Amino acid sequence: MDLEKRRRELEARREELRDRVARVATHTQHREEPLPPDFAEQAVELENQGVLVAIDSELNAELRSIEVALRRIDADEYLYCESCGEEIGEPRLNALPSVALCIECAQKRDRRM
């Protein structure tokens, strides 16, 4: 696996996510105008706000996983499961570039949740 290429891909995705987080933040923070007087419009606007908050949470979670993946590349740990130490496998890393667990450890974790 070409780890430098993977690093560039992860860095590009990180920048894309940072831009998206900034755009979402402009819509969710510093609301200056009051809610519309119509109750139905208020409900729609509050629902949209909830969706934006959920999107922001997902974007930030992915950003954190990318940061971890980049640190793992720097530490020569990227190819190995952070739980059991076995190789994660190139097909899994290609599908989920910021994953830190092999499929077996990920399944064990999911069963516990």
C-alpha atoms as a PDB file:
ATOM      1  CA  MET A   1       0.000   0.000   0.000  1.00  0.00           C
ATOM      2  CA  ASP A   2       1.251   3.459  -0.911  1.00  0.00           C
ATOM      3  CA  LEU A   3       1.038   5.242   2.439  1.00  0.00           C
ATOM      4  CA  GLU A   4       2.074   8.620   1.018  1.00  0.00           C
ATOM      5  CA  LYS A   5      -0.780   8.441  -1.457  1.00  0.00           C
ATOM      6  CA  ARG A   6      -3.130   7.469   1.371  1.00  0.00           C
ATOM      7  CA  ARG A   7      -1.833  10.404   3.436  1.00  0.00           C
ATOM      8  CA  ARG A   8      -2.605  12.801   0.578  1.00  0.00           C
ATOM      9  CA  GLU A   9      -6.101  11.339   0.207  1.00  0.00           C
ATOM     10  CA  LEU A  10      -6.778  11.660   3.928  1.00  0.00           C
ATOM     11  CA  GLU A  11      -5.419  15.212   4.005  1.00  0.00           C
ATOM     12  CA  ALA A  12      -7.628  16.164   1.039  1.00  0.00           C
ATOM     13  CA  ARG A  13     -10.674  14.645   2.760  1.00  0.00           C
ATOM     14  CA  ARG A  14      -9.765  16.489   5.974  1.00  0.00           C
ATOM     15  CA  GLU A  15      -9.718  19.818   4.137  1.00  0.00           C
ATOM     16  CA  GLU A  16     -13.045  19.038   2.464  1.00  0.00           C
ATOM     17  CA  LEU A  17     -14.583  18.203   5.838  1.00  0.00           C
ATOM     18  CA  ARG A  18     -13.166  21.337   7.453  1.00  0.00           C
ATOM     19  CA  ASP A  19     -14.813  23.425   4.731  1.00  0.00           C
ATOM     20  CA  ARG A  20     -18.132  21.641   5.260  1.00  0.00           C
ATOM     21  CA  VAL A  21     -17.918  22.099   9.043  1.00  0.00           C
ATOM     22  CA  ALA A  22     -17.323  25.812   8.526  1.00  0.00           C
ATOM     23  CA  ARG A  23     -20.335  26.083   6.207  1.00  0.00           C
ATOM     24  CA  VAL A  24     -22.567  24.226   8.648  1.00  0.00           C
ATOM     25  CA  ALA A  25     -21.322  26.422  11.498  1.00  0.00           C
ATOM     26  CA  THR A  26     -22.406  29.562   9.662  1.00  0.00           C
ATOM     27  CA  HIS A  27     -25.939  28.178   9.621  1.00  0.00           C
ATOM     28  CA  THR A  28     -26.055  26.845  13.183  1.00  0.00           C
ATOM     29  CA  GLN A  29     -24.229  29.531  15.158  1.00  0.00           C
ATOM     30  CA  HIS A  30     -24.823  33.200  15.774  1.00  0.00           C
ATOM     31  CA  ARG A  31     -28.434  33.239  14.700  1.00  0.00           C
ATOM     32  CA  GLU A  32     -29.309  36.907  14.636  1.00  0.00           C
ATOM     33  CA  GLU A  33     -32.859  36.986  13.320  1.00  0.00           C
ATOM     34  CA  PRO A  34     -35.772  35.818  15.476  1.00  0.00           C
ATOM     35  CA  LEU A  35     -37.814  32.745  14.629  1.00  0.00           C
ATOM     36  CA  PRO A  36     -40.611  33.382  12.128  1.00  0.00           C
ATOM     37  CA  PRO A  37     -43.960  34.254  13.729  1.00  0.00           C
ATOM     38  CA  ASP A  38     -45.737  31.372  11.952  1.00  0.00           C
ATOM     39  CA  PHE A  39     -45.704  28.194  14.065  1.00  0.00           C
ATOM     40  CA  ALA A  40     -45.325  25.883  11.027  1.00  0.00           C
ATOM     41  CA  GLU A  41     -42.335  27.882   9.792  1.00  0.00           C
ATOM     42  CA  GLN A  42     -40.811  27.754  13.284  1.00  0.00           C
ATOM     43  CA  ALA A  43     -41.207  23.975  13.345  1.00  0.00           C
ATOM     44  CA  VAL A  44     -39.516  23.601   9.961  1.00  0.00           C
ATOM     45  CA  GLU A  45     -36.700  25.925  10.934  1.00  0.00           C
ATOM     46  CA  LEU A  46     -36.094  24.123  14.234  1.00  0.00           C
ATOM     47  CA  GLU A  47     -36.154  20.763  12.457  1.00  0.00           C
ATOM     48  CA  ASN A  48     -33.603  22.047   9.958  1.00  0.00           C
ATOM     49  CA  GLN A  49     -31.465  23.261  12.849  1.00  0.00           C
ATOM     50  CA  GLY A  50     -31.575  19.759  14.361  1.00  0.00           C
ATOM     51  CA  VAL A  51     -30.482  18.234  11.063  1.00  0.00           C
ATOM     52  CA  LEU A  52     -27.575  20.678  10.823  1.00  0.00           C
ATOM     53  CA  VAL A  53     -26.464  19.834  14.359  1.00  0.00           C
ATOM     54  CA  ALA A  54     -26.516  16.110  13.489  1.00  0.00           C
ATOM     55  CA  ILE A  55     -24.541  16.741  10.295  1.00  0.00           C
ATOM     56  CA  ASP A  56     -21.999  18.783  12.254  1.00  0.00           C
ATOM     57  CA  SER A  57     -21.589  15.947  14.733  1.00  0.00           C
ATOM     58  CA  GLU A  58     -21.012  13.394  11.959  1.00  0.00           C
ATOM     59  CA  LEU A  59     -18.526  15.638  10.151  1.00  0.00           C
ATOM     60  CA  ASN A  60     -16.547  16.211  13.344  1.00  0.00           C
ATOM     61  CA  ALA A  61     -16.494  12.485  14.130  1.00  0.00           C
ATOM     62  CA  GLU A  62     -15.075  11.769  10.676  1.00  0.00           C
ATOM     63  CA  LEU A  63     -12.531  14.570  11.103  1.00  0.00           C
ATOM     64  CA  ARG A  64     -11.360  13.035  14.380  1.00  0.00           C
ATOM     65  CA  SER A  65     -10.980   9.600  12.775  1.00  0.00           C
ATOM     66  CA  ILE A  66      -8.946  11.111   9.925  1.00  0.00           C
ATOM     67  CA  GLU A  67      -6.664  12.881  12.405  1.00  0.00           C
ATOM     68  CA  VAL A  68      -6.117   9.556  14.190  1.00  0.00           C
ATOM     69  CA  ALA A  69      -5.393   7.818  10.872  1.00  0.00           C
ATOM     70  CA  LEU A  70      -2.815  10.471   9.936  1.00  0.00           C
ATOM     71  CA  ARG A  71      -1.100  10.070  13.321  1.00  0.00           C
ATOM     72  CA  ARG A  72      -1.138   6.287  12.833  1.00  0.00           C
ATOM     73  CA  ILE A  73       0.567   6.709   9.438  1.00  0.00           C
ATOM     74  CA  ASP A  74       3.232   8.901  11.090  1.00  0.00           C
ATOM     75  CA  ALA A  75       3.786   6.255  13.772  1.00  0.00           C
ATOM     76  CA  ASP A  76       3.947   3.390  11.238  1.00  0.00           C
ATOM     77  CA  GLU A  77       0.828   1.860  12.851  1.00  0.00           C
ATOM     78  CA  TYR A  78      -1.698   2.523  10.079  1.00  0.00           C
ATOM     79  CA  LEU A  79      -1.740  -0.982   8.635  1.00  0.00           C
ATOM     80  CA  TYR A  80      -2.310  -2.659  12.009  1.00  0.00           C
ATOM     81  CA  CYS A  81      -5.344  -2.982  14.270  1.00  0.00           C
ATOM     82  CA  GLU A  82      -5.051  -0.755  17.315  1.00  0.00           C
ATOM     83  CA  SER A  83      -6.783  -3.432  19.408  1.00  0.00           C
ATOM     84  CA  CYS A  84      -5.150  -6.753  18.501  1.00  0.00           C
ATOM     85  CA  GLY A  85      -2.116  -5.624  16.472  1.00  0.00           C
ATOM     86  CA  GLU A  86      -2.946  -7.810  13.467  1.00  0.00           C
ATOM     87  CA  GLU A  87      -2.970  -6.378   9.945  1.00  0.00           C
ATOM     88  CA  ILE A  88      -6.196  -4.592   9.108  1.00  0.00           C
ATOM     89  CA  GLY A  89      -6.028  -5.593   5.468  1.00  0.00           C
ATOM     90  CA  GLU A  90      -5.773  -3.465   2.386  1.00  0.00           C
ATOM     91  CA  PRO A  91      -9.341  -4.115   1.155  1.00  0.00           C
ATOM     92  CA  ARG A  92     -10.747  -2.803   4.464  1.00  0.00           C
ATOM     93  CA  LEU A  93      -8.425   0.204   4.487  1.00  0.00           C
ATOM     94  CA  ASN A  94      -9.374   0.980   0.894  1.00  0.00           C
ATOM     95  CA  ALA A  95     -13.062   0.873   1.795  1.00  0.00           C
ATOM     96  CA  LEU A  96     -12.667   2.747   5.100  1.00  0.00           C
ATOM     97  CA  PRO A  97      -9.397   4.727   4.967  1.00  0.00           C
ATOM     98  CA  SER A  98      -9.643   6.067   8.509  1.00  0.00           C
ATOM     99  CA  VAL A  99     -10.505   2.765  10.192  1.00  0.00           C
ATOM    100  CA  ALA A 100      -8.281   1.698  13.097  1.00  0.00           C
ATOM    101  CA  LEU A 101      -9.679  -1.768  13.826  1.00  0.00           C
ATOM    102  CA  CYS A 102      -9.552  -5.012  11.881  1.00  0.00           C
ATOM    103  CA  ILE A 103     -12.922  -6.485  10.956  1.00  0.00           C
ATOM    104  CA  GLU A 104     -12.876  -8.993  13.823  1.00  0.00           C
ATOM    105  CA  CYS A 105     -12.177  -6.381  16.490  1.00  0.00           C
ATOM    106  CA  ALA A 106     -14.739  -4.012  14.968  1.00  0.00           C
ATOM    107  CA  GLN A 107     -17.371  -6.753  15.103  1.00  0.00           C
ATOM    108  CA  LYS A 108     -16.511  -7.523  18.740  1.00  0.00           C
ATOM    109  CA  ARG A 109     -16.828  -3.832  19.620  1.00  0.00           C
ATOM    110  CA  ASP A 110     -20.177  -3.574  17.807  1.00  0.00           C
ATOM    111  CA  ARG A 111     -21.555  -6.585  19.665  1.00  0.00           C
ATOM    112  CA  ARG A 112     -20.694  -4.942  22.984  1.00  0.00           C
ATOM    113  CA  MET A 113     -22.531  -1.738  22.043  1.00  0.00           C
END
